[in-house]
Amino acid sequence: MDKSAKVHSGHWERTRQRILKVPKTELSEIDVLEGILQLVFTRADTNEIARNLLYKYHNIVFIAKATPQELETVAGIGKVASEKLALLFKSIDFIKTAEMNIRYNSPVNVTNAVELVYKNFDLGPKEKLQAFYLDENNNILARPIISEGELSKVGMDYQSIVEYAQRNKAIKVIIAHNHPSNSVYPSYEDYICTTKLYSMLRSIGTRLVDHIIITKDKYFSFYYSKVLPLICEQYEQVLAKTLNKAKQQEKATA
């Protein structure tokens, strides 16, 4: 084994041990990316290739979505390596989706949630936001209209939604709003509102099952599109990290 190979071998081993022993919340993108690259390359400098990938794509998520042909344009990656990487990323994505479905399993499936909204939502010329409060058996406890007008201008009345949930002792909540423009694509505000509302409901022990945007013949489900499960996962990670930090501080001051 030449000197360069020995150096890489030592680095590979340190990287492997770090990934195996360190909590995932403390790992960096470069750590994870190098770990993946080590499954493809046996001798190359995976740190350099990882940095080349991040320089081009800026984020590991965008790297995972790249095609083999796109990956080949990165220095150090050939045709065989690009295909192996694409296969690995596709397998990881499949496992991730399966994990989300398990962790965010809900008795109210997407189809039922959409049907429930369409049956009980009064589509009109104005944009309106309506909330559906459910018990554990998915019976509707209340379905108030929270606001009317563009959400980007009117804003989501988070406090009212949370108070309704507490007042009705709701286990689950579905929120829905219509787009009179007939476009179901969520706005930036829709994503922000959903994230904030999820965390507020979660803090009182109520689950946000879905946020559905509807028109007369189309809909967009934050659950079905995997946006809501991702929000759920990120929230739990932040919560776990915060609690762990609090415990460490408590130990330090004890």
C-alpha atoms as a PDB file:
ATOM      1  CA  MET A   1       0.000   0.000   0.000  1.00  0.00           C
ATOM      2  CA  ASP A   2       1.477   3.391  -1.008  1.00  0.00           C
ATOM      3  CA  LYS A   3       1.679   6.383   1.352  1.00  0.00           C
ATOM      4  CA  SER A   4      -1.375   8.085  -0.206  1.00  0.00           C
ATOM      5  CA  ALA A   5      -3.497   4.960   0.191  1.00  0.00           C
ATOM      6  CA  LYS A   6      -2.464   4.688   3.856  1.00  0.00           C
ATOM      7  CA  VAL A   7      -3.495   8.297   4.479  1.00  0.00           C
ATOM      8  CA  HIS A   8      -6.884   7.730   2.826  1.00  0.00           C
ATOM      9  CA  SER A   9      -7.355   4.467   4.723  1.00  0.00           C
ATOM     10  CA  GLY A  10      -6.827   6.211   8.066  1.00  0.00           C
ATOM     11  CA  HIS A  11      -9.202   9.014   7.104  1.00  0.00           C
ATOM     12  CA  TRP A  12     -11.839   6.518   5.926  1.00  0.00           C
ATOM     13  CA  GLU A  13     -11.679   4.670   9.221  1.00  0.00           C
ATOM     14  CA  ARG A  14     -12.047   7.876  11.262  1.00  0.00           C
ATOM     15  CA  THR A  15     -15.013   8.905   9.111  1.00  0.00           C
ATOM     16  CA  ARG A  16     -16.690   5.505   9.526  1.00  0.00           C
ATOM     17  CA  GLN A  17     -16.231   5.562  13.278  1.00  0.00           C
ATOM     18  CA  ARG A  18     -17.595   9.118  13.509  1.00  0.00           C
ATOM     19  CA  ILE A  19     -20.727   8.240  11.513  1.00  0.00           C
ATOM     20  CA  LEU A  20     -21.342   5.101  13.569  1.00  0.00           C
ATOM     21  CA  LYS A  21     -20.800   6.662  16.991  1.00  0.00           C
ATOM     22  CA  VAL A  22     -21.936  10.306  16.728  1.00  0.00           C
ATOM     23  CA  PRO A  23     -25.704  11.148  16.956  1.00  0.00           C
ATOM     24  CA  LYS A  24     -27.093  12.096  13.540  1.00  0.00           C
ATOM     25  CA  THR A  25     -27.952  15.586  14.784  1.00  0.00           C
ATOM     26  CA  GLU A  26     -24.213  16.245  15.226  1.00  0.00           C
ATOM     27  CA  LEU A  27     -23.122  14.952  11.814  1.00  0.00           C
ATOM     28  CA  SER A  28     -22.333  17.369   9.012  1.00  0.00           C
ATOM     29  CA  GLU A  29     -23.184  17.045   5.330  1.00  0.00           C
ATOM     30  CA  ILE A  30     -19.539  16.360   4.552  1.00  0.00           C
ATOM     31  CA  ASP A  31     -19.481  13.488   7.076  1.00  0.00           C
ATOM     32  CA  VAL A  32     -22.531  11.777   5.594  1.00  0.00           C
ATOM     33  CA  LEU A  33     -21.478  12.408   2.009  1.00  0.00           C
ATOM     34  CA  GLU A  34     -18.036  10.930   2.636  1.00  0.00           C
ATOM     35  CA  GLY A  35     -19.645   7.895   4.248  1.00  0.00           C
ATOM     36  CA  ILE A  36     -21.742   7.346   1.124  1.00  0.00           C
ATOM     37  CA  LEU A  37     -18.770   7.894  -1.181  1.00  0.00           C
ATOM     38  CA  GLN A  38     -16.736   5.303   0.720  1.00  0.00           C
ATOM     39  CA  LEU A  39     -19.243   2.685  -0.436  1.00  0.00           C
ATOM     40  CA  VAL A  40     -18.412   3.596  -4.044  1.00  0.00           C
ATOM     41  CA  PHE A  41     -14.703   4.407  -4.007  1.00  0.00           C
ATOM     42  CA  THR A  42     -11.987   2.194  -2.521  1.00  0.00           C
ATOM     43  CA  ARG A  43      -8.896   4.331  -3.105  1.00  0.00           C
ATOM     44  CA  ALA A  44      -9.936   7.838  -4.160  1.00  0.00           C
ATOM     45  CA  ASP A  45      -9.864  10.866  -1.851  1.00  0.00           C
ATOM     46  CA  THR A  46     -13.536  10.894  -0.830  1.00  0.00           C
ATOM     47  CA  ASN A  47     -13.113  14.158   1.076  1.00  0.00           C
ATOM     48  CA  GLU A  48     -12.060  15.977  -2.075  1.00  0.00           C
ATOM     49  CA  ILE A  49     -14.888  14.420  -4.126  1.00  0.00           C
ATOM     50  CA  ALA A  50     -17.408  15.270  -1.396  1.00  0.00           C
ATOM     51  CA  ARG A  51     -16.248  18.899  -1.442  1.00  0.00           C
ATOM     52  CA  ASN A  52     -16.452  18.992  -5.240  1.00  0.00           C
ATOM     53  CA  LEU A  53     -20.048  17.739  -5.052  1.00  0.00           C
ATOM     54  CA  LEU A  54     -21.018  20.280  -2.393  1.00  0.00           C
ATOM     55  CA  TYR A  55     -19.325  23.073  -4.334  1.00  0.00           C
ATOM     56  CA  LYS A  56     -21.420  22.264  -7.400  1.00  0.00           C
ATOM     57  CA  TYR A  57     -24.757  21.420  -5.726  1.00  0.00           C
ATOM     58  CA  HIS A  58     -24.451  23.324  -2.392  1.00  0.00           C
ATOM     59  CA  ASN A  59     -26.620  20.820  -0.520  1.00  0.00           C
ATOM     60  CA  ILE A  60     -26.651  17.026  -0.096  1.00  0.00           C
ATOM     61  CA  VAL A  61     -30.378  16.975  -0.952  1.00  0.00           C
ATOM     62  CA  PHE A  62     -29.677  18.386  -4.424  1.00  0.00           C
ATOM     63  CA  ILE A  63     -26.779  15.952  -4.872  1.00  0.00           C
ATOM     64  CA  ALA A  64     -29.149  13.054  -4.115  1.00  0.00           C
ATOM     65  CA  LYS A  65     -31.567  14.291  -6.788  1.00  0.00           C
ATOM     66  CA  ALA A  66     -28.922  14.585  -9.510  1.00  0.00           C
ATOM     67  CA  THR A  67     -28.945  12.136 -12.421  1.00  0.00           C
ATOM     68  CA  PRO A  68     -25.933   9.879 -13.166  1.00  0.00           C
ATOM     69  CA  GLN A  69     -25.141  12.081 -16.177  1.00  0.00           C
ATOM     70  CA  GLU A  70     -25.117  15.201 -13.988  1.00  0.00           C
ATOM     71  CA  LEU A  71     -22.937  13.526 -11.355  1.00  0.00           C
ATOM     72  CA  GLU A  72     -20.395  12.618 -14.027  1.00  0.00           C
ATOM     73  CA  THR A  73     -19.661  16.310 -14.574  1.00  0.00           C
ATOM     74  CA  VAL A  74     -18.123  16.507 -11.083  1.00  0.00           C
ATOM     75  CA  ALA A  75     -14.358  16.032 -10.868  1.00  0.00           C
ATOM     76  CA  GLY A  76     -13.411  12.556  -9.649  1.00  0.00           C
ATOM     77  CA  ILE A  77     -16.682  10.852 -10.626  1.00  0.00           C
ATOM     78  CA  GLY A  78     -16.841   8.585 -13.663  1.00  0.00           C
ATOM     79  CA  LYS A  79     -19.685   6.692 -15.311  1.00  0.00           C
ATOM     80  CA  VAL A  80     -19.585   3.605 -13.041  1.00  0.00           C
ATOM     81  CA  ALA A  81     -19.286   5.699  -9.868  1.00  0.00           C
ATOM     82  CA  SER A  82     -22.118   8.017 -10.934  1.00  0.00           C
ATOM     83  CA  GLU A  83     -24.462   5.067 -11.510  1.00  0.00           C
ATOM     84  CA  LYS A  84     -23.549   3.511  -8.151  1.00  0.00           C
ATOM     85  CA  LEU A  85     -24.175   6.831  -6.405  1.00  0.00           C
ATOM     86  CA  ALA A  86     -27.528   7.287  -8.134  1.00  0.00           C
ATOM     87  CA  LEU A  87     -28.520   3.765  -7.048  1.00  0.00           C
ATOM     88  CA  LEU A  88     -27.504   4.465  -3.454  1.00  0.00           C
ATOM     89  CA  PHE A  89     -29.387   7.775  -3.319  1.00  0.00           C
ATOM     90  CA  LYS A  90     -32.500   6.204  -4.813  1.00  0.00           C
ATOM     91  CA  SER A  91     -32.371   3.401  -2.226  1.00  0.00           C
ATOM     92  CA  ILE A  92     -31.920   5.920   0.600  1.00  0.00           C
ATOM     93  CA  ASP A  93     -34.886   7.942  -0.689  1.00  0.00           C
ATOM     94  CA  PHE A  94     -37.052   4.811  -0.770  1.00  0.00           C
ATOM     95  CA  ILE A  95     -36.132   3.924   2.829  1.00  0.00           C
ATOM     96  CA  LYS A  96     -36.690   7.526   3.925  1.00  0.00           C
ATOM     97  CA  THR A  97     -40.175   7.577   2.418  1.00  0.00           C
ATOM     98  CA  ALA A  98     -41.031   4.267   4.077  1.00  0.00           C
ATOM     99  CA  GLU A  99     -39.782   5.609   7.429  1.00  0.00           C
ATOM    100  CA  MET A 100     -41.905   8.751   7.097  1.00  0.00           C
ATOM    101  CA  ASN A 101     -44.992   6.675   6.356  1.00  0.00           C
ATOM    102  CA  ILE A 102     -44.409   4.590   9.480  1.00  0.00           C
ATOM    103  CA  ARG A 103     -43.613   7.538  11.770  1.00  0.00           C
ATOM    104  CA  TYR A 104     -46.477   9.632  10.491  1.00  0.00           C
ATOM    105  CA  ASN A 105     -49.035   6.859  10.262  1.00  0.00           C
ATOM    106  CA  SER A 106     -52.531   8.251  10.786  1.00  0.00           C
ATOM    107  CA  PRO A 107     -56.006   6.657  10.789  1.00  0.00           C
ATOM    108  CA  VAL A 108     -57.092   9.497   8.519  1.00  0.00           C
ATOM    109  CA  ASN A 109     -55.571   8.665   5.167  1.00  0.00           C
ATOM    110  CA  VAL A 110     -55.096  11.259   2.459  1.00  0.00           C
ATOM    111  CA  THR A 111     -58.034  10.174   0.339  1.00  0.00           C
ATOM    112  CA  ASN A 112     -60.430  10.350   3.286  1.00  0.00           C
ATOM    113  CA  ALA A 113     -59.057  13.725   4.356  1.00  0.00           C
ATOM    114  CA  VAL A 114     -59.548  15.140   0.869  1.00  0.00           C
ATOM    115  CA  GLU A 115     -63.069  13.706   0.629  1.00  0.00           C
ATOM    116  CA  LEU A 116     -63.912  15.133   4.040  1.00  0.00           C
ATOM    117  CA  VAL A 117     -62.748  18.592   2.965  1.00  0.00           C
ATOM    118  CA  TYR A 118     -64.603  18.556  -0.370  1.00  0.00           C
ATOM    119  CA  LYS A 119     -67.846  17.492   1.304  1.00  0.00           C
ATOM    120  CA  ASN A 120     -67.687  20.227   3.924  1.00  0.00           C
ATOM    121  CA  PHE A 121     -65.937  23.132   2.216  1.00  0.00           C
ATOM    122  CA  ASP A 122     -67.942  25.898   0.558  1.00  0.00           C
ATOM    123  CA  LEU A 123     -65.968  26.868  -2.539  1.00  0.00           C
ATOM    124  CA  GLY A 124     -66.583  30.473  -3.511  1.00  0.00           C
ATOM    125  CA  PRO A 125     -65.014  33.479  -5.231  1.00  0.00           C
ATOM    126  CA  LYS A 126     -62.971  34.409  -2.142  1.00  0.00           C
ATOM    127  CA  GLU A 127     -60.055  32.547  -0.622  1.00  0.00           C
ATOM    128  CA  LYS A 128     -60.964  31.155   2.777  1.00  0.00           C
ATOM    129  CA  LEU A 129     -59.292  29.059   5.415  1.00  0.00           C
ATOM    130  CA  GLN A 130     -61.297  26.394   7.214  1.00  0.00           C
ATOM    131  CA  ALA A 131     -60.254  24.055  10.016  1.00  0.00           C
ATOM    132  CA  PHE A 132     -61.669  20.606  10.728  1.00  0.00           C
ATOM    133  CA  TYR A 133     -61.365  19.293  14.268  1.00  0.00           C
ATOM    134  CA  LEU A 134     -61.569  15.524  14.703  1.00  0.00           C
ATOM    135  CA  ASP A 135     -61.833  13.117  17.616  1.00  0.00           C
ATOM    136  CA  GLU A 136     -59.893   9.844  17.806  1.00  0.00           C
ATOM    137  CA  ASN A 137     -62.550   8.133  15.616  1.00  0.00           C
ATOM    138  CA  ASN A 138     -62.282  10.864  12.961  1.00  0.00           C
ATOM    139  CA  ASN A 139     -65.695  12.353  13.723  1.00  0.00           C
ATOM    140  CA  ILE A 140     -65.899  16.073  12.987  1.00  0.00           C
ATOM    141  CA  LEU A 141     -66.161  18.024  16.233  1.00  0.00           C
ATOM    142  CA  ALA A 142     -66.181  21.466  14.611  1.00  0.00           C
ATOM    143  CA  ARG A 143     -65.384  22.986  11.219  1.00  0.00           C
ATOM    144  CA  PRO A 144     -65.148  26.765  11.621  1.00  0.00           C
ATOM    145  CA  ILE A 145     -64.058  29.169   8.910  1.00  0.00           C
ATOM    146  CA  ILE A 146     -60.955  30.789  10.346  1.00  0.00           C
ATOM    147  CA  SER A 147     -60.481  33.608   7.857  1.00  0.00           C
ATOM    148  CA  GLU A 148     -61.464  34.909   4.425  1.00  0.00           C
ATOM    149  CA  GLY A 149     -59.188  36.666   1.969  1.00  0.00           C
ATOM    150  CA  GLU A 150     -55.669  35.878   0.703  1.00  0.00           C
ATOM    151  CA  LEU A 151     -53.639  34.140   3.407  1.00  0.00           C
ATOM    152  CA  SER A 152     -50.591  36.170   2.403  1.00  0.00           C
ATOM    153  CA  LYS A 153     -52.552  39.335   3.236  1.00  0.00           C
ATOM    154  CA  VAL A 154     -54.933  38.197   5.971  1.00  0.00           C
ATOM    155  CA  GLY A 155     -52.555  35.770   7.635  1.00  0.00           C
ATOM    156  CA  MET A 156     -53.360  32.570   9.471  1.00  0.00           C
ATOM    157  CA  ASP A 157     -54.985  33.059  12.868  1.00  0.00           C
ATOM    158  CA  TYR A 158     -52.851  30.504  14.674  1.00  0.00           C
ATOM    159  CA  GLN A 159     -54.158  31.332  18.130  1.00  0.00           C
ATOM    160  CA  SER A 160     -57.794  30.820  17.096  1.00  0.00           C
ATOM    161  CA  ILE A 161     -56.975  27.457  15.514  1.00  0.00           C
ATOM    162  CA  VAL A 162     -55.167  26.296  18.655  1.00  0.00           C
ATOM    163  CA  GLU A 163     -57.908  27.596  20.969  1.00  0.00           C
ATOM    164  CA  TYR A 164     -60.588  25.798  18.930  1.00  0.00           C
ATOM    165  CA  ALA A 165     -58.576  22.586  19.251  1.00  0.00           C
ATOM    166  CA  GLN A 166     -58.353  22.960  23.024  1.00  0.00           C
ATOM    167  CA  ARG A 167     -62.010  23.950  23.386  1.00  0.00           C
ATOM    168  CA  ASN A 168     -63.216  20.958  21.366  1.00  0.00           C
ATOM    169  CA  LYS A 169     -60.615  18.572  22.810  1.00  0.00           C
ATOM    170  CA  ALA A 170     -59.597  17.675  19.277  1.00  0.00           C
ATOM    171  CA  ILE A 171     -57.096  14.902  18.705  1.00  0.00           C
ATOM    172  CA  LYS A 172     -56.461  15.786  15.065  1.00  0.00           C
ATOM    173  CA  VAL A 173     -56.826  18.845  12.862  1.00  0.00           C
ATOM    174  CA  ILE A 174     -57.075  19.263   9.110  1.00  0.00           C
ATOM    175  CA  ILE A 175     -56.842  22.733   7.638  1.00  0.00           C
ATOM    176  CA  ALA A 176     -57.914  23.590   4.106  1.00  0.00           C
ATOM    177  CA  HIS A 177     -58.068  26.661   1.960  1.00  0.00           C
ATOM    178  CA  ASN A 178     -59.087  27.284  -1.617  1.00  0.00           C
ATOM    179  CA  HIS A 179     -57.291  29.073  -4.432  1.00  0.00           C
ATOM    180  CA  PRO A 180     -59.824  30.977  -6.582  1.00  0.00           C
ATOM    181  CA  SER A 181     -57.115  31.241  -9.274  1.00  0.00           C
ATOM    182  CA  ASN A 182     -57.595  27.472  -9.817  1.00  0.00           C
ATOM    183  CA  SER A 183     -53.891  26.858  -9.143  1.00  0.00           C
ATOM    184  CA  VAL A 184     -53.191  24.410  -6.333  1.00  0.00           C
ATOM    185  CA  TYR A 185     -49.492  25.158  -6.018  1.00  0.00           C
ATOM    186  CA  PRO A 186     -48.703  26.306  -2.450  1.00  0.00           C
ATOM    187  CA  SER A 187     -47.164  29.715  -1.924  1.00  0.00           C
ATOM    188  CA  TYR A 188     -44.134  30.419   0.243  1.00  0.00           C
ATOM    189  CA  GLU A 189     -46.535  31.681   2.929  1.00  0.00           C
ATOM    190  CA  ASP A 190     -48.428  28.361   2.780  1.00  0.00           C
ATOM    191  CA  TYR A 191     -45.257  26.458   3.676  1.00  0.00           C
ATOM    192  CA  ILE A 192     -44.365  28.848   6.497  1.00  0.00           C
ATOM    193  CA  CYS A 193     -47.908  28.798   7.916  1.00  0.00           C
ATOM    194  CA  THR A 194     -48.057  24.997   7.855  1.00  0.00           C
ATOM    195  CA  THR A 195     -44.735  24.651   9.662  1.00  0.00           C
ATOM    196  CA  LYS A 196     -45.668  27.151  12.363  1.00  0.00           C
ATOM    197  CA  LEU A 197     -49.145  25.680  12.868  1.00  0.00           C
ATOM    198  CA  TYR A 198     -47.752  22.151  13.110  1.00  0.00           C
ATOM    199  CA  SER A 199     -45.405  23.165  15.931  1.00  0.00           C
ATOM    200  CA  MET A 200     -48.114  25.095  17.812  1.00  0.00           C
ATOM    201  CA  LEU A 201     -50.597  22.201  17.662  1.00  0.00           C
ATOM    202  CA  ARG A 202     -47.870  19.706  18.519  1.00  0.00           C
ATOM    203  CA  SER A 203     -47.104  21.697  21.673  1.00  0.00           C
ATOM    204  CA  ILE A 204     -50.641  21.018  22.982  1.00  0.00           C
ATOM    205  CA  GLY A 205     -50.649  17.358  21.934  1.00  0.00           C
ATOM    206  CA  THR A 206     -52.808  17.761  18.813  1.00  0.00           C
ATOM    207  CA  ARG A 207     -51.785  16.398  15.415  1.00  0.00           C
ATOM    208  CA  LEU A 208     -51.995  18.385  12.210  1.00  0.00           C
ATOM    209  CA  VAL A 209     -53.103  15.619   9.846  1.00  0.00           C
ATOM    210  CA  ASP A 210     -53.001  17.608   6.629  1.00  0.00           C
ATOM    211  CA  HIS A 211     -53.126  21.019   5.010  1.00  0.00           C
ATOM    212  CA  ILE A 212     -55.078  20.791   1.772  1.00  0.00           C
ATOM    213  CA  ILE A 213     -55.319  23.407  -0.957  1.00  0.00           C
ATOM    214  CA  ILE A 214     -58.367  22.860  -3.151  1.00  0.00           C
ATOM    215  CA  THR A 215     -60.031  24.133  -6.311  1.00  0.00           C
ATOM    216  CA  LYS A 216     -63.125  22.799  -8.057  1.00  0.00           C
ATOM    217  CA  ASP A 217     -61.286  19.887  -9.633  1.00  0.00           C
ATOM    218  CA  LYS A 218     -57.764  19.766  -8.155  1.00  0.00           C
ATOM    219  CA  TYR A 219     -56.059  19.627  -4.783  1.00  0.00           C
ATOM    220  CA  PHE A 220     -52.627  19.742  -3.163  1.00  0.00           C
ATOM    221  CA  SER A 221     -52.032  17.747   0.009  1.00  0.00           C
ATOM    222  CA  PHE A 222     -49.110  18.705   2.257  1.00  0.00           C
ATOM    223  CA  TYR A 223     -49.234  15.157   3.628  1.00  0.00           C
ATOM    224  CA  TYR A 224     -49.350  13.325   0.314  1.00  0.00           C
ATOM    225  CA  SER A 225     -46.585  15.498  -1.148  1.00  0.00           C
ATOM    226  CA  LYS A 226     -44.408  14.470   1.851  1.00  0.00           C
ATOM    227  CA  VAL A 227     -44.016  18.094   2.991  1.00  0.00           C
ATOM    228  CA  LEU A 228     -45.900  17.550   6.248  1.00  0.00           C
ATOM    229  CA  PRO A 229     -44.080  14.312   7.195  1.00  0.00           C
ATOM    230  CA  LEU A 230     -40.806  16.168   6.593  1.00  0.00           C
ATOM    231  CA  ILE A 231     -41.948  19.041   8.834  1.00  0.00           C
ATOM    232  CA  CYS A 232     -42.857  16.430  11.451  1.00  0.00           C
ATOM    233  CA  GLU A 233     -39.440  14.805  11.287  1.00  0.00           C
ATOM    234  CA  GLN A 234     -37.535  18.089  11.419  1.00  0.00           C
ATOM    235  CA  TYR A 235     -39.585  19.249  14.407  1.00  0.00           C
ATOM    236  CA  GLU A 236     -38.867  16.025  16.304  1.00  0.00           C
ATOM    237  CA  GLN A 237     -35.151  16.329  15.556  1.00  0.00           C
ATOM    238  CA  VAL A 238     -35.015  19.923  16.797  1.00  0.00           C
ATOM    239  CA  LEU A 239     -37.030  18.959  19.882  1.00  0.00           C
ATOM    240  CA  ALA A 240     -34.697  16.043  20.652  1.00  0.00           C
ATOM    241  CA  LYS A 241     -31.643  18.245  20.193  1.00  0.00           C
ATOM    242  CA  THR A 242     -33.120  20.962  22.453  1.00  0.00           C
ATOM    243  CA  LEU A 243     -33.995  18.467  25.180  1.00  0.00           C
ATOM    244  CA  ASN A 244     -30.541  16.888  24.976  1.00  0.00           C
ATOM    245  CA  LYS A 245     -28.898  20.315  25.291  1.00  0.00           C
ATOM    246  CA  ALA A 246     -31.090  21.136  28.298  1.00  0.00           C
ATOM    247  CA  LYS A 247     -30.092  17.855  29.969  1.00  0.00           C
ATOM    248  CA  GLN A 248     -26.402  18.562  29.383  1.00  0.00           C
ATOM    249  CA  GLN A 249     -26.754  22.050  30.860  1.00  0.00           C
ATOM    250  CA  GLU A 250     -28.600  20.604  33.845  1.00  0.00           C
ATOM    251  CA  LYS A 251     -25.800  18.108  34.434  1.00  0.00           C
ATOM    252  CA  ALA A 252     -23.189  20.844  34.102  1.00  0.00           C
ATOM    253  CA  THR A 253     -24.875  23.005  36.748  1.00  0.00           C
ATOM    254  CA  ALA A 254     -25.699  20.113  39.115  1.00  0.00           C
END
